[in-house]
Amino acid sequence: METDYNGHTIQILTDEVHGRWTFRALVFVPDGASQAVKRFSYDGSHFQTKDEAEGEGVLLVKEWIENGMPDIC
């Protein structure tokens, strides 16, 4: 799944493990004439469906962007 938000392109990648879904994201950030890529991974809940994982992924990444994309440990 891919969506745009505040000039950034968010790409959500999902994985199914033992019937549960998780996500990670690539965020393409404008950087002058090129784009930087930031990775966002989430080790929290596993979701029952791919749609749930994608939806929650988009919400969490948008919040991360709004907070200035702090480093994630």
N, C-alpha and C. Protein backbone atom coordinates (compact mmCIF):
# COMPACT_ATOMS: atom_id res chain seq x y z
N MET A 1 0.85 -1.17 0.00
CA MET A 1 0.00 0.00 0.00
C MET A 1 0.89 1.23 0.00
N GLU A 2 0.49 2.24 -0.75
CA GLU A 2 1.27 3.47 -0.82
C GLU A 2 0.32 4.66 -0.74
N THR A 3 0.72 5.68 0.00
CA THR A 3 -0.08 6.89 0.14
C THR A 3 0.85 8.08 0.34
N ASP A 4 0.36 9.27 0.06
CA ASP A 4 1.13 10.49 0.26
C ASP A 4 0.60 11.23 1.47
N TYR A 5 1.52 11.89 2.20
CA TYR A 5 1.12 12.64 3.39
C TYR A 5 2.13 13.76 3.62
N ASN A 6 1.67 14.99 3.62
CA ASN A 6 2.51 16.17 3.88
C ASN A 6 3.80 16.15 3.06
N GLY A 7 3.71 15.81 1.79
CA GLY A 7 4.88 15.82 0.92
C GLY A 7 5.74 14.57 1.01
N HIS A 8 5.38 13.64 1.85
CA HIS A 8 6.11 12.39 2.01
C HIS A 8 5.32 11.27 1.34
N THR A 9 6.01 10.30 0.81
CA THR A 9 5.35 9.11 0.29
C THR A 9 5.55 7.99 1.30
N ILE A 10 4.47 7.38 1.74
CA ILE A 10 4.50 6.29 2.73
C ILE A 10 4.20 4.99 2.01
N GLN A 11 5.07 4.03 2.18
CA GLN A 11 4.86 2.70 1.61
C GLN A 11 4.79 1.70 2.76
N ILE A 12 3.62 1.08 2.93
CA ILE A 12 3.42 0.12 4.02
C ILE A 12 3.63 -1.29 3.47
N LEU A 13 4.47 -2.05 4.14
CA LEU A 13 4.76 -3.43 3.77
C LEU A 13 4.26 -4.32 4.89
N THR A 14 3.48 -5.33 4.56
CA THR A 14 2.90 -6.21 5.57
C THR A 14 3.48 -7.62 5.45
N ASP A 15 3.48 -8.32 6.56
CA ASP A 15 3.93 -9.71 6.63
C ASP A 15 2.95 -10.51 7.47
N GLU A 16 2.69 -11.74 7.06
CA GLU A 16 1.85 -12.63 7.84
C GLU A 16 2.73 -13.69 8.48
N VAL A 17 2.58 -13.82 9.79
CA VAL A 17 3.34 -14.82 10.54
C VAL A 17 2.36 -15.57 11.43
N HIS A 18 2.19 -16.85 11.18
CA HIS A 18 1.29 -17.69 11.97
C HIS A 18 -0.12 -17.12 12.07
N GLY A 19 -0.63 -16.60 10.95
CA GLY A 19 -2.00 -16.11 10.92
C GLY A 19 -2.20 -14.71 11.47
N ARG A 20 -1.14 -14.04 11.86
CA ARG A 20 -1.23 -12.67 12.38
C ARG A 20 -0.41 -11.78 11.46
N TRP A 21 -0.80 -10.52 11.36
CA TRP A 21 -0.17 -9.58 10.45
C TRP A 21 0.62 -8.52 11.20
N THR A 22 1.73 -8.10 10.64
CA THR A 22 2.54 -7.01 11.16
C THR A 22 2.90 -6.11 10.00
N PHE A 23 3.49 -4.96 10.28
CA PHE A 23 3.88 -4.07 9.20
C PHE A 23 5.22 -3.41 9.47
N ARG A 24 5.79 -2.89 8.42
CA ARG A 24 6.92 -1.98 8.48
C ARG A 24 6.68 -0.98 7.37
N ALA A 25 7.38 0.13 7.39
CA ALA A 25 7.11 1.16 6.39
C ALA A 25 8.40 1.77 5.88
N LEU A 26 8.34 2.21 4.64
CA LEU A 26 9.37 3.05 4.05
C LEU A 26 8.73 4.42 3.85
N VAL A 27 9.45 5.47 4.25
CA VAL A 27 8.95 6.83 4.08
C VAL A 27 9.95 7.57 3.20
N PHE A 28 9.48 8.03 2.07
CA PHE A 28 10.31 8.77 1.13
C PHE A 28 10.16 10.25 1.45
N VAL A 29 11.26 10.87 1.88
CA VAL A 29 11.27 12.23 2.38
C VAL A 29 11.95 13.13 1.36
N PRO A 30 11.27 14.21 0.92
CA PRO A 30 11.91 15.13 -0.01
C PRO A 30 13.19 15.71 0.60
N ASP A 31 14.26 15.72 -0.20
CA ASP A 31 15.55 16.24 0.27
C ASP A 31 16.20 16.98 -0.89
N GLY A 32 15.74 18.20 -1.11
CA GLY A 32 16.22 18.97 -2.26
C GLY A 32 15.71 18.35 -3.55
N ALA A 33 16.64 18.05 -4.46
CA ALA A 33 16.26 17.48 -5.75
C ALA A 33 16.08 15.96 -5.68
N SER A 34 16.39 15.35 -4.54
CA SER A 34 16.26 13.90 -4.42
C SER A 34 15.35 13.57 -3.23
N GLN A 35 15.32 12.29 -2.87
CA GLN A 35 14.54 11.85 -1.73
C GLN A 35 15.40 10.99 -0.82
N ALA A 36 15.23 11.18 0.47
CA ALA A 36 15.85 10.29 1.45
C ALA A 36 14.81 9.23 1.81
N VAL A 37 15.28 8.07 2.20
CA VAL A 37 14.37 7.00 2.62
C VAL A 37 14.58 6.74 4.10
N LYS A 38 13.50 6.80 4.85
CA LYS A 38 13.55 6.46 6.27
C LYS A 38 12.74 5.20 6.48
N ARG A 39 13.23 4.36 7.36
CA ARG A 39 12.53 3.11 7.67
C ARG A 39 11.83 3.23 9.01
N PHE A 40 10.63 2.69 9.06
CA PHE A 40 9.83 2.69 10.28
C PHE A 40 9.41 1.25 10.51
N SER A 41 9.78 0.73 11.67
CA SER A 41 9.33 -0.62 12.00
C SER A 41 8.59 -0.57 13.32
N TYR A 42 7.68 -1.50 13.48
CA TYR A 42 6.80 -1.50 14.65
C TYR A 42 6.77 -2.91 15.23
N ASP A 43 7.19 -3.03 16.46
CA ASP A 43 7.22 -4.34 17.11
C ASP A 43 6.05 -4.54 18.06
N GLY A 44 5.04 -3.72 17.93
CA GLY A 44 3.89 -3.80 18.82
C GLY A 44 2.94 -4.91 18.43
N SER A 45 1.68 -4.62 18.49
CA SER A 45 0.63 -5.60 18.24
C SER A 45 0.75 -6.25 16.87
N HIS A 46 0.28 -7.46 16.81
CA HIS A 46 0.10 -8.15 15.54
C HIS A 46 -1.38 -8.10 15.26
N PHE A 47 -1.74 -7.92 14.02
CA PHE A 47 -3.12 -7.66 13.65
C PHE A 47 -3.77 -8.89 13.04
N GLN A 48 -5.10 -8.95 13.11
CA GLN A 48 -5.83 -10.10 12.60
C GLN A 48 -5.91 -10.12 11.08
N THR A 49 -5.88 -8.95 10.45
CA THR A 49 -6.00 -8.89 8.99
C THR A 49 -4.93 -7.98 8.40
N LYS A 50 -4.68 -8.18 7.12
CA LYS A 50 -3.75 -7.31 6.40
C LYS A 50 -4.26 -5.88 6.40
N ASP A 51 -5.56 -5.69 6.19
CA ASP A 51 -6.14 -4.35 6.18
C ASP A 51 -5.94 -3.62 7.50
N GLU A 52 -6.09 -4.34 8.62
CA GLU A 52 -5.85 -3.74 9.94
C GLU A 52 -4.40 -3.29 10.06
N ALA A 53 -3.47 -4.14 9.65
CA ALA A 53 -2.05 -3.81 9.74
C ALA A 53 -1.72 -2.59 8.88
N GLU A 54 -2.27 -2.54 7.67
CA GLU A 54 -2.01 -1.39 6.79
C GLU A 54 -2.62 -0.11 7.37
N GLY A 55 -3.85 -0.19 7.84
CA GLY A 55 -4.52 0.98 8.38
C GLY A 55 -3.81 1.54 9.60
N GLU A 56 -3.46 0.67 10.53
CA GLU A 56 -2.75 1.12 11.73
C GLU A 56 -1.37 1.63 11.37
N GLY A 57 -0.74 0.99 10.39
CA GLY A 57 0.58 1.43 9.92
C GLY A 57 0.54 2.85 9.41
N VAL A 58 -0.44 3.16 8.58
CA VAL A 58 -0.56 4.52 8.05
C VAL A 58 -0.76 5.53 9.17
N LEU A 59 -1.64 5.22 10.13
CA LEU A 59 -1.89 6.14 11.24
C LEU A 59 -0.63 6.38 12.07
N LEU A 60 0.10 5.31 12.40
CA LEU A 60 1.30 5.46 13.22
C LEU A 60 2.41 6.21 12.48
N VAL A 61 2.55 5.95 11.19
CA VAL A 61 3.59 6.65 10.42
C VAL A 61 3.23 8.13 10.27
N LYS A 62 1.97 8.45 10.06
CA LYS A 62 1.57 9.86 9.99
C LYS A 62 1.89 10.58 11.30
N GLU A 63 1.61 9.93 12.41
CA GLU A 63 1.92 10.51 13.73
C GLU A 63 3.43 10.71 13.88
N TRP A 64 4.21 9.73 13.43
CA TRP A 64 5.67 9.81 13.48
C TRP A 64 6.17 11.00 12.65
N ILE A 65 5.60 11.20 11.46
CA ILE A 65 5.97 12.34 10.61
C ILE A 65 5.64 13.64 11.32
N GLU A 66 4.44 13.74 11.89
CA GLU A 66 4.03 14.94 12.60
C GLU A 66 4.94 15.27 13.78
N ASN A 67 5.53 14.24 14.39
CA ASN A 67 6.43 14.42 15.53
C ASN A 67 7.88 14.66 15.10
N GLY A 68 8.10 14.89 13.81
CA GLY A 68 9.45 15.22 13.34
C GLY A 68 10.30 14.03 12.99
N MET A 69 9.72 12.85 12.87
CA MET A 69 10.42 11.62 12.53
C MET A 69 11.62 11.35 13.44
N PRO A 70 11.37 11.29 14.75
CA PRO A 70 12.49 11.01 15.68
C PRO A 70 13.06 9.61 15.43
N ASP A 71 14.32 9.44 15.79
CA ASP A 71 14.95 8.14 15.66
C ASP A 71 14.16 7.11 16.46
N ILE A 72 14.03 5.93 15.89
CA ILE A 72 13.31 4.84 16.55
C ILE A 72 14.34 3.81 16.98
N CYS A 73 14.33 3.48 18.26
CA CYS A 73 15.29 2.51 18.77
C CYS A 73 14.82 1.11 18.50
